[in-house]
Amino acid sequence: MTRIAVCAPSTPITPEDAERVTALAAAEFPQVALSFHPQCFAASDHFAGTDEERLAAFVDCANDPAIDAVWFARGGYGACRIAEDAIAHLAPCASEKTWLGFSDAGYLLGALYRERIGRPVHAPMVSCIRREGGDEAIRRVLDYLAGGKTGIETCVDPHPRVAFNLMTLAMMGGTRLMPGLANHVVLVEEVSEYLYAVDRLFFHLTAHLGGIAGLMLGRVSEVPENQRPFGATPEQIARHWCDRHAIAFLGTADIGHDSDNKIVPFGLASDA
């Protein structure tokens, strides 16, 4: 039995979200057991509880020796406010856990990877049940936690990999959350940003990616329409900044803010 704890380091989910995911897991994946921390449903302004409440819930899940995996409930914004303190409060048993999420949860995944604590994994979150096709996204994660490999992104490059939201990774650059990514293939995706903002993010991020094995671009979706056309596609933007910093552009990746978002174990997929 794989025991999975769910907490919300950023924004809350609803009890209905939890009920839908719990029902799907019970019906199709009896080898996993889900437990939702009550903090998942808390609200304090934008956040799933205060910084202190979100930190305490994360630490509760992380330091429970009976838990095998910690699954982040939802992104939005907020994980960066607790990430450094969260790492400082982890017990040795945290190193035995798998950590799953994407988007804003990338702040915690990056910090955990930097400190070599457990197995961070880019993966859909509980809130993805709301998306069109969201059941399949949830099945992909539960199958992975039950030992399946079919939902993993299929890049065949032999280097270790990481995957992040572009904004999240760019904001980590130069902070104590940023992991060392030399010799890694870095996968990035983005949602709801103007193309000029995507360009600005690549300007900043690529300056922090010296020594990586290459960059892959996931989906850049729901791009707002600007008053003036930017004049370059997301791939052209990525290629431009990779060229400026002598980073190999390795093509597209099957990740994004959608129900087709694939799983990317940090490091080598064979180590997952």
C-alpha atoms as a PDB file:
ATOM      1  CA  MET A   1       0.000   0.000   0.000  1.00  0.00           C
ATOM      2  CA  THR A   2       1.320   3.440  -1.000  1.00  0.00           C
ATOM      3  CA  ARG A   3       0.191   6.103   1.484  1.00  0.00           C
ATOM      4  CA  ILE A   4      -0.220   9.593   0.014  1.00  0.00           C
ATOM      5  CA  ALA A   5      -0.731  12.769   2.024  1.00  0.00           C
ATOM      6  CA  VAL A   6      -2.154  15.865   0.328  1.00  0.00           C
ATOM      7  CA  CYS A   7      -1.437  19.401   1.531  1.00  0.00           C
ATOM      8  CA  ALA A   8      -1.839  22.829  -0.060  1.00  0.00           C
ATOM      9  CA  PRO A   9       1.283  25.041   0.131  1.00  0.00           C
ATOM     10  CA  SER A  10      -0.279  27.673  -2.124  1.00  0.00           C
ATOM     11  CA  THR A  11      -4.055  27.983  -2.648  1.00  0.00           C
ATOM     12  CA  PRO A  12      -6.949  25.824  -1.440  1.00  0.00           C
ATOM     13  CA  ILE A  13      -9.028  23.123  -3.026  1.00  0.00           C
ATOM     14  CA  THR A  14     -12.631  22.300  -2.143  1.00  0.00           C
ATOM     15  CA  PRO A  15     -13.985  19.261  -0.310  1.00  0.00           C
ATOM     16  CA  GLU A  16     -15.684  18.332  -3.588  1.00  0.00           C
ATOM     17  CA  ASP A  17     -12.280  18.183  -5.330  1.00  0.00           C
ATOM     18  CA  ALA A  18     -11.004  15.851  -2.633  1.00  0.00           C
ATOM     19  CA  GLU A  19     -14.116  13.678  -2.783  1.00  0.00           C
ATOM     20  CA  ARG A  20     -13.849  13.228  -6.552  1.00  0.00           C
ATOM     21  CA  VAL A  21     -10.175  12.271  -6.413  1.00  0.00           C
ATOM     22  CA  THR A  22     -10.722   9.982  -3.416  1.00  0.00           C
ATOM     23  CA  ALA A  23     -13.573   8.199  -5.184  1.00  0.00           C
ATOM     24  CA  LEU A  24     -11.498   7.702  -8.338  1.00  0.00           C
ATOM     25  CA  ALA A  25      -8.589   6.327  -6.313  1.00  0.00           C
ATOM     26  CA  ALA A  26     -10.809   3.961  -4.322  1.00  0.00           C
ATOM     27  CA  ALA A  27     -12.499   2.612  -7.460  1.00  0.00           C
ATOM     28  CA  GLU A  28      -9.413   2.150  -9.646  1.00  0.00           C
ATOM     29  CA  PHE A  29      -6.289   2.172  -7.453  1.00  0.00           C
ATOM     30  CA  PRO A  30      -6.939   0.163  -4.281  1.00  0.00           C
ATOM     31  CA  GLN A  31      -3.168  -0.119  -3.787  1.00  0.00           C
ATOM     32  CA  VAL A  32      -2.939   3.590  -2.848  1.00  0.00           C
ATOM     33  CA  ALA A  33      -4.415   5.337   0.186  1.00  0.00           C
ATOM     34  CA  LEU A  34      -5.103   9.074   0.115  1.00  0.00           C
ATOM     35  CA  SER A  35      -5.339  11.361   3.133  1.00  0.00           C
ATOM     36  CA  PHE A  36      -6.166  15.067   2.814  1.00  0.00           C
ATOM     37  CA  HIS A  37      -4.782  17.412   5.437  1.00  0.00           C
ATOM     38  CA  PRO A  38      -7.596  19.696   6.724  1.00  0.00           C
ATOM     39  CA  GLN A  39      -5.450  22.679   5.746  1.00  0.00           C
ATOM     40  CA  CYS A  40      -6.225  21.907   2.065  1.00  0.00           C
ATOM     41  CA  PHE A  41      -9.625  23.555   2.581  1.00  0.00           C
ATOM     42  CA  ALA A  42      -8.502  26.533   4.666  1.00  0.00           C
ATOM     43  CA  ALA A  43      -8.623  30.084   3.341  1.00  0.00           C
ATOM     44  CA  SER A  44      -6.762  33.219   4.343  1.00  0.00           C
ATOM     45  CA  ASP A  45      -7.098  35.893   1.673  1.00  0.00           C
ATOM     46  CA  HIS A  46      -5.449  34.467  -1.470  1.00  0.00           C
ATOM     47  CA  PHE A  47      -3.892  31.507   0.330  1.00  0.00           C
ATOM     48  CA  ALA A  48      -4.829  28.097   1.724  1.00  0.00           C
ATOM     49  CA  GLY A  49      -4.412  29.397   5.250  1.00  0.00           C
ATOM     50  CA  THR A  50      -1.773  31.694   6.657  1.00  0.00           C
ATOM     51  CA  ASP A  51       1.916  31.140   5.950  1.00  0.00           C
ATOM     52  CA  GLU A  52       2.178  29.508   9.367  1.00  0.00           C
ATOM     53  CA  GLU A  53      -0.745  27.170   8.711  1.00  0.00           C
ATOM     54  CA  ARG A  54       0.542  26.141   5.298  1.00  0.00           C
ATOM     55  CA  LEU A  55       4.026  25.545   6.670  1.00  0.00           C
ATOM     56  CA  ALA A  56       2.702  23.480   9.566  1.00  0.00           C
ATOM     57  CA  ALA A  57       0.610  21.288   7.256  1.00  0.00           C
ATOM     58  CA  PHE A  58       3.556  20.685   4.933  1.00  0.00           C
ATOM     59  CA  VAL A  59       5.780  19.728   7.865  1.00  0.00           C
ATOM     60  CA  ASP A  60       3.059  17.452   9.310  1.00  0.00           C
ATOM     61  CA  CYS A  61       2.897  15.510   6.047  1.00  0.00           C
ATOM     62  CA  ALA A  62       6.641  15.570   5.400  1.00  0.00           C
ATOM     63  CA  ASN A  63       7.634  14.316   8.836  1.00  0.00           C
ATOM     64  CA  ASP A  64       5.032  11.556   9.154  1.00  0.00           C
ATOM     65  CA  PRO A  65       7.000   8.290   8.817  1.00  0.00           C
ATOM     66  CA  ALA A  66       3.846   6.436   7.715  1.00  0.00           C
ATOM     67  CA  ILE A  67       3.534   8.571   4.557  1.00  0.00           C
ATOM     68  CA  ASP A  68       5.238   7.492   1.321  1.00  0.00           C
ATOM     69  CA  ALA A  69       4.389  10.477  -0.888  1.00  0.00           C
ATOM     70  CA  VAL A  70       3.299  14.095  -0.478  1.00  0.00           C
ATOM     71  CA  TRP A  71       1.035  15.350  -3.256  1.00  0.00           C
ATOM     72  CA  PHE A  72       0.482  19.088  -3.527  1.00  0.00           C
ATOM     73  CA  ALA A  73      -3.162  20.042  -3.923  1.00  0.00           C
ATOM     74  CA  ARG A  74      -3.017  23.129  -6.109  1.00  0.00           C
ATOM     75  CA  GLY A  75      -0.760  25.859  -7.446  1.00  0.00           C
ATOM     76  CA  GLY A  76      -1.630  29.529  -7.739  1.00  0.00           C
ATOM     77  CA  TYR A  77       0.876  31.355  -5.560  1.00  0.00           C
ATOM     78  CA  GLY A  78       2.273  30.988  -2.067  1.00  0.00           C
ATOM     79  CA  ALA A  79       4.763  28.108  -1.911  1.00  0.00           C
ATOM     80  CA  CYS A  80       7.787  30.407  -2.162  1.00  0.00           C
ATOM     81  CA  ARG A  81       6.718  32.146   1.058  1.00  0.00           C
ATOM     82  CA  ILE A  82       7.219  28.968   3.096  1.00  0.00           C
ATOM     83  CA  ALA A  83       9.791  26.970   1.125  1.00  0.00           C
ATOM     84  CA  GLU A  84      12.986  27.910   2.980  1.00  0.00           C
ATOM     85  CA  ASP A  85      11.394  27.386   6.395  1.00  0.00           C
ATOM     86  CA  ALA A  86       9.849  24.129   5.204  1.00  0.00           C
ATOM     87  CA  ILE A  87      13.222  22.666   4.255  1.00  0.00           C
ATOM     88  CA  ALA A  88      14.678  23.698   7.610  1.00  0.00           C
ATOM     89  CA  HIS A  89      11.976  21.785   9.514  1.00  0.00           C
ATOM     90  CA  LEU A  90      12.252  18.428   7.743  1.00  0.00           C
ATOM     91  CA  ALA A  91      13.007  15.237   9.646  1.00  0.00           C
ATOM     92  CA  PRO A  92      15.174  12.427   8.220  1.00  0.00           C
ATOM     93  CA  CYS A  93      12.105  10.465   7.070  1.00  0.00           C
ATOM     94  CA  ALA A  94      11.362  13.216   4.518  1.00  0.00           C
ATOM     95  CA  SER A  95      14.222  11.851   2.424  1.00  0.00           C
ATOM     96  CA  GLU A  96      12.234   8.655   1.845  1.00  0.00           C
ATOM     97  CA  LYS A  97       9.280  10.398   0.240  1.00  0.00           C
ATOM     98  CA  THR A  98       8.119  11.206  -3.274  1.00  0.00           C
ATOM     99  CA  TRP A  99       6.964  14.817  -3.760  1.00  0.00           C
ATOM    100  CA  LEU A 100       4.523  15.639  -6.556  1.00  0.00           C
ATOM    101  CA  GLY A 101       3.208  18.829  -8.110  1.00  0.00           C
ATOM    102  CA  PHE A 102       3.917  21.487 -10.703  1.00  0.00           C
ATOM    103  CA  SER A 103       3.426  25.194 -11.353  1.00  0.00           C
ATOM    104  CA  ASP A 104       3.778  27.116  -8.053  1.00  0.00           C
ATOM    105  CA  ALA A 105       4.686  23.868  -6.266  1.00  0.00           C
ATOM    106  CA  GLY A 106       7.923  24.039  -8.259  1.00  0.00           C
ATOM    107  CA  TYR A 107       9.396  26.282  -5.555  1.00  0.00           C
ATOM    108  CA  LEU A 108       9.218  23.367  -3.140  1.00  0.00           C
ATOM    109  CA  LEU A 109      10.267  20.781  -5.719  1.00  0.00           C
ATOM    110  CA  GLY A 110      13.291  22.912  -6.599  1.00  0.00           C
ATOM    111  CA  ALA A 111      14.258  23.432  -2.967  1.00  0.00           C
ATOM    112  CA  LEU A 112      13.892  19.716  -2.200  1.00  0.00           C
ATOM    113  CA  TYR A 113      15.977  18.818  -5.236  1.00  0.00           C
ATOM    114  CA  ARG A 114      18.642  21.342  -4.268  1.00  0.00           C
ATOM    115  CA  GLU A 115      18.942  19.672  -0.861  1.00  0.00           C
ATOM    116  CA  ARG A 116      18.635  16.137  -2.289  1.00  0.00           C
ATOM    117  CA  ILE A 117      15.610  15.370  -0.129  1.00  0.00           C
ATOM    118  CA  GLY A 118      13.462  12.558  -1.481  1.00  0.00           C
ATOM    119  CA  ARG A 119      12.225  12.257  -5.059  1.00  0.00           C
ATOM    120  CA  PRO A 120      10.673  15.441  -6.518  1.00  0.00           C
ATOM    121  CA  VAL A 121       8.344  14.828  -9.468  1.00  0.00           C
ATOM    122  CA  HIS A 122       6.641  17.244 -11.876  1.00  0.00           C
ATOM    123  CA  ALA A 123       3.082  15.905 -12.050  1.00  0.00           C
ATOM    124  CA  PRO A 124      -0.563  16.993 -12.196  1.00  0.00           C
ATOM    125  CA  MET A 125      -2.101  18.074  -8.896  1.00  0.00           C
ATOM    126  CA  VAL A 126      -5.402  17.298  -7.196  1.00  0.00           C
ATOM    127  CA  SER A 127      -6.993  20.486  -8.558  1.00  0.00           C
ATOM    128  CA  CYS A 128      -6.456  19.179 -12.099  1.00  0.00           C
ATOM    129  CA  ILE A 129      -9.601  17.101 -11.553  1.00  0.00           C
ATOM    130  CA  ARG A 130     -11.473  20.314 -12.493  1.00  0.00           C
ATOM    131  CA  ARG A 131      -9.991  20.475 -15.985  1.00  0.00           C
ATOM    132  CA  GLU A 132     -11.530  18.963 -19.074  1.00  0.00           C
ATOM    133  CA  GLY A 133     -10.024  15.492 -19.153  1.00  0.00           C
ATOM    134  CA  GLY A 134      -8.921  15.928 -15.555  1.00  0.00           C
ATOM    135  CA  ASP A 135      -9.789  12.358 -14.566  1.00  0.00           C
ATOM    136  CA  GLU A 136      -7.049  11.143 -16.895  1.00  0.00           C
ATOM    137  CA  ALA A 137      -4.538  13.515 -15.332  1.00  0.00           C
ATOM    138  CA  ILE A 138      -5.377  12.154 -11.875  1.00  0.00           C
ATOM    139  CA  ARG A 139      -5.175   8.571 -13.129  1.00  0.00           C
ATOM    140  CA  ARG A 140      -1.725   9.324 -14.537  1.00  0.00           C
ATOM    141  CA  VAL A 141      -0.454  10.343 -11.103  1.00  0.00           C
ATOM    142  CA  LEU A 142      -2.108   7.508  -9.209  1.00  0.00           C
ATOM    143  CA  ASP A 143      -0.795   4.977 -11.714  1.00  0.00           C
ATOM    144  CA  TYR A 144       2.701   6.397 -11.278  1.00  0.00           C
ATOM    145  CA  LEU A 145       2.439   6.167  -7.511  1.00  0.00           C
ATOM    146  CA  ALA A 146       1.242   2.589  -7.877  1.00  0.00           C
ATOM    147  CA  GLY A 147       4.398   1.764  -9.846  1.00  0.00           C
ATOM    148  CA  GLY A 148       3.341   2.523 -13.416  1.00  0.00           C
ATOM    149  CA  LYS A 149       5.578   4.243 -15.963  1.00  0.00           C
ATOM    150  CA  THR A 150       3.234   4.960 -18.877  1.00  0.00           C
ATOM    151  CA  GLY A 151       2.505   8.548 -17.844  1.00  0.00           C
ATOM    152  CA  ILE A 152       6.133   9.687 -17.850  1.00  0.00           C
ATOM    153  CA  GLU A 153       7.176  12.259 -20.472  1.00  0.00           C
ATOM    154  CA  THR A 154       8.984  10.378 -23.232  1.00  0.00           C
ATOM    155  CA  CYS A 155      12.161  12.413 -23.785  1.00  0.00           C
ATOM    156  CA  VAL A 156      14.916   9.895 -24.500  1.00  0.00           C
ATOM    157  CA  ASP A 157      17.874  12.168 -23.741  1.00  0.00           C
ATOM    158  CA  PRO A 158      20.227  10.319 -21.348  1.00  0.00           C
ATOM    159  CA  HIS A 159      20.821  13.315 -19.065  1.00  0.00           C
ATOM    160  CA  PRO A 160      18.910  13.847 -15.796  1.00  0.00           C
ATOM    161  CA  ARG A 161      15.819  15.994 -16.188  1.00  0.00           C
ATOM    162  CA  VAL A 162      13.786  18.553 -14.303  1.00  0.00           C
ATOM    163  CA  ALA A 163      10.540  20.293 -15.263  1.00  0.00           C
ATOM    164  CA  PHE A 164       9.197  23.635 -14.087  1.00  0.00           C
ATOM    165  CA  ASN A 165       6.771  26.377 -14.878  1.00  0.00           C
ATOM    166  CA  LEU A 166       8.796  29.089 -16.620  1.00  0.00           C
ATOM    167  CA  MET A 167       7.760  31.871 -14.222  1.00  0.00           C
ATOM    168  CA  THR A 168       8.492  29.732 -11.176  1.00  0.00           C
ATOM    169  CA  LEU A 169      11.951  28.685 -12.330  1.00  0.00           C
ATOM    170  CA  ALA A 170      12.871  32.205 -13.445  1.00  0.00           C
ATOM    171  CA  MET A 171      11.859  33.604 -10.042  1.00  0.00           C
ATOM    172  CA  MET A 172      14.018  31.011  -8.268  1.00  0.00           C
ATOM    173  CA  GLY A 173      17.141  32.126 -10.144  1.00  0.00           C
ATOM    174  CA  GLY A 174      19.573  33.752  -7.741  1.00  0.00           C
ATOM    175  CA  THR A 175      17.696  32.593  -4.616  1.00  0.00           C
ATOM    176  CA  ARG A 176      18.408  29.919  -2.030  1.00  0.00           C
ATOM    177  CA  LEU A 177      15.710  27.745  -3.574  1.00  0.00           C
ATOM    178  CA  MET A 178      17.427  27.338  -6.957  1.00  0.00           C
ATOM    179  CA  PRO A 179      18.852  23.844  -7.470  1.00  0.00           C
ATOM    180  CA  GLY A 180      22.064  23.184  -9.323  1.00  0.00           C
ATOM    181  CA  LEU A 181      21.067  22.121 -12.829  1.00  0.00           C
ATOM    182  CA  ALA A 182      24.415  21.598 -14.552  1.00  0.00           C
ATOM    183  CA  ASN A 183      24.270  18.646 -16.968  1.00  0.00           C
ATOM    184  CA  HIS A 184      20.447  18.503 -16.747  1.00  0.00           C
ATOM    185  CA  VAL A 185      17.841  18.799 -19.465  1.00  0.00           C
ATOM    186  CA  VAL A 186      15.466  21.525 -18.282  1.00  0.00           C
ATOM    187  CA  LEU A 187      11.810  21.378 -19.384  1.00  0.00           C
ATOM    188  CA  VAL A 188       9.661  24.519 -19.019  1.00  0.00           C
ATOM    189  CA  GLU A 189       6.028  25.433 -19.691  1.00  0.00           C
ATOM    190  CA  GLU A 190       3.892  28.524 -19.180  1.00  0.00           C
ATOM    191  CA  VAL A 191       0.293  29.717 -19.067  1.00  0.00           C
ATOM    192  CA  SER A 192      -1.553  33.043 -19.210  1.00  0.00           C
ATOM    193  CA  GLU A 193       1.463  35.265 -19.916  1.00  0.00           C
ATOM    194  CA  TYR A 194       1.881  37.796 -22.710  1.00  0.00           C
ATOM    195  CA  LEU A 195       4.577  36.836 -25.192  1.00  0.00           C
ATOM    196  CA  TYR A 196       6.659  39.837 -24.208  1.00  0.00           C
ATOM    197  CA  ALA A 197       6.545  38.522 -20.622  1.00  0.00           C
ATOM    198  CA  VAL A 198       7.625  35.065 -21.838  1.00  0.00           C
ATOM    199  CA  ASP A 199      10.544  36.752 -23.592  1.00  0.00           C
ATOM    200  CA  ARG A 200      11.447  38.654 -20.409  1.00  0.00           C
ATOM    201  CA  LEU A 201      11.335  35.434 -18.361  1.00  0.00           C
ATOM    202  CA  PHE A 202      13.678  33.684 -20.778  1.00  0.00           C
ATOM    203  CA  PHE A 203      16.016  36.697 -20.661  1.00  0.00           C
ATOM    204  CA  HIS A 204      16.357  36.255 -16.899  1.00  0.00           C
ATOM    205  CA  LEU A 205      16.218  32.466 -16.688  1.00  0.00           C
ATOM    206  CA  THR A 206      18.785  31.600 -19.330  1.00  0.00           C
ATOM    207  CA  ALA A 207      21.353  33.716 -17.487  1.00  0.00           C
ATOM    208  CA  HIS A 208      21.035  31.200 -14.609  1.00  0.00           C
ATOM    209  CA  LEU A 209      21.237  28.018 -16.678  1.00  0.00           C
ATOM    210  CA  GLY A 210      24.906  27.879 -17.564  1.00  0.00           C
ATOM    211  CA  GLY A 211      26.154  24.333 -17.946  1.00  0.00           C
ATOM    212  CA  ILE A 212      22.821  22.636 -18.541  1.00  0.00           C
ATOM    213  CA  ALA A 213      22.634  19.866 -21.131  1.00  0.00           C
ATOM    214  CA  GLY A 214      19.768  21.534 -22.951  1.00  0.00           C
ATOM    215  CA  LEU A 215      16.307  23.081 -22.746  1.00  0.00           C
ATOM    216  CA  MET A 216      12.967  21.728 -23.929  1.00  0.00           C
ATOM    217  CA  LEU A 217       9.828  23.816 -24.322  1.00  0.00           C
ATOM    218  CA  GLY A 218       6.475  22.559 -23.121  1.00  0.00           C
ATOM    219  CA  ARG A 219       3.185  24.166 -23.999  1.00  0.00           C
ATOM    220  CA  VAL A 220       2.792  27.939 -23.680  1.00  0.00           C
ATOM    221  CA  SER A 221      -0.978  28.244 -23.455  1.00  0.00           C
ATOM    222  CA  GLU A 222      -3.763  30.779 -22.969  1.00  0.00           C
ATOM    223  CA  VAL A 223      -1.540  33.618 -24.194  1.00  0.00           C
ATOM    224  CA  PRO A 224      -3.355  36.973 -23.822  1.00  0.00           C
ATOM    225  CA  GLU A 225      -3.620  39.095 -26.946  1.00  0.00           C
ATOM    226  CA  ASN A 226      -1.472  42.202 -26.689  1.00  0.00           C
ATOM    227  CA  GLN A 227      -2.263  45.548 -28.361  1.00  0.00           C
ATOM    228  CA  ARG A 228       0.740  45.062 -30.647  1.00  0.00           C
ATOM    229  CA  PRO A 229       1.765  41.650 -31.995  1.00  0.00           C
ATOM    230  CA  PHE A 230       5.008  40.548 -30.375  1.00  0.00           C
ATOM    231  CA  GLY A 231       6.353  39.082 -33.596  1.00  0.00           C
ATOM    232  CA  ALA A 232       7.804  35.809 -32.339  1.00  0.00           C
ATOM    233  CA  THR A 233       6.362  32.451 -31.304  1.00  0.00           C
ATOM    234  CA  PRO A 234       7.196  30.866 -27.938  1.00  0.00           C
ATOM    235  CA  GLU A 235       9.627  28.486 -29.660  1.00  0.00           C
ATOM    236  CA  GLN A 236      11.331  31.349 -31.470  1.00  0.00           C
ATOM    237  CA  ILE A 237      11.674  33.172 -28.147  1.00  0.00           C
ATOM    238  CA  ALA A 238      13.170  30.115 -26.458  1.00  0.00           C
ATOM    239  CA  ARG A 239      15.587  29.522 -29.329  1.00  0.00           C
ATOM    240  CA  HIS A 240      16.693  33.170 -29.302  1.00  0.00           C
ATOM    241  CA  TRP A 241      17.686  33.157 -25.643  1.00  0.00           C
ATOM    242  CA  CYS A 242      19.200  29.675 -25.807  1.00  0.00           C
ATOM    243  CA  ASP A 243      21.381  30.858 -28.688  1.00  0.00           C
ATOM    244  CA  ARG A 244      22.441  33.932 -26.697  1.00  0.00           C
ATOM    245  CA  HIS A 245      23.682  31.723 -23.854  1.00  0.00           C
ATOM    246  CA  ALA A 246      24.996  28.757 -25.894  1.00  0.00           C
ATOM    247  CA  ILE A 247      22.283  26.456 -24.528  1.00  0.00           C
ATOM    248  CA  ALA A 248      21.188  23.558 -26.705  1.00  0.00           C
ATOM    249  CA  PHE A 249      17.507  23.811 -27.638  1.00  0.00           C
ATOM    250  CA  LEU A 250      16.244  20.222 -27.705  1.00  0.00           C
ATOM    251  CA  GLY A 251      12.721  20.695 -29.036  1.00  0.00           C
ATOM    252  CA  THR A 252       9.295  20.368 -27.460  1.00  0.00           C
ATOM    253  CA  ALA A 253       8.139  18.548 -24.334  1.00  0.00           C
ATOM    254  CA  ASP A 254       4.746  17.104 -23.415  1.00  0.00           C
ATOM    255  CA  ILE A 255       4.110  19.232 -20.322  1.00  0.00           C
ATOM    256  CA  GLY A 256       1.803  22.164 -19.705  1.00  0.00           C
ATOM    257  CA  HIS A 257      -1.106  23.614 -17.741  1.00  0.00           C
ATOM    258  CA  ASP A 258      -3.594  21.101 -19.125  1.00  0.00           C
ATOM    259  CA  SER A 259      -4.862  17.590 -18.553  1.00  0.00           C
ATOM    260  CA  ASP A 260      -2.240  16.145 -20.924  1.00  0.00           C
ATOM    261  CA  ASN A 261       0.564  17.330 -18.630  1.00  0.00           C
ATOM    262  CA  LYS A 262       2.980  14.407 -18.350  1.00  0.00           C
ATOM    263  CA  ILE A 263       5.057  13.235 -15.398  1.00  0.00           C
ATOM    264  CA  VAL A 264       8.728  14.177 -15.140  1.00  0.00           C
ATOM    265  CA  PRO A 265      10.683  12.593 -12.274  1.00  0.00           C
ATOM    266  CA  PHE A 266      13.592  14.840 -11.361  1.00  0.00           C
ATOM    267  CA  GLY A 267      16.925  13.229 -12.132  1.00  0.00           C
ATOM    268  CA  LEU A 268      16.938  10.150 -14.321  1.00  0.00           C
ATOM    269  CA  ALA A 269      13.566   8.610 -15.129  1.00  0.00           C
ATOM    270  CA  SER A 270      15.079   5.191 -14.397  1.00  0.00           C
ATOM    271  CA  ASP A 271      15.711   6.345 -10.818  1.00  0.00           C
ATOM    272  CA  ALA A 272      12.047   7.152 -10.169  1.00  0.00           C
END
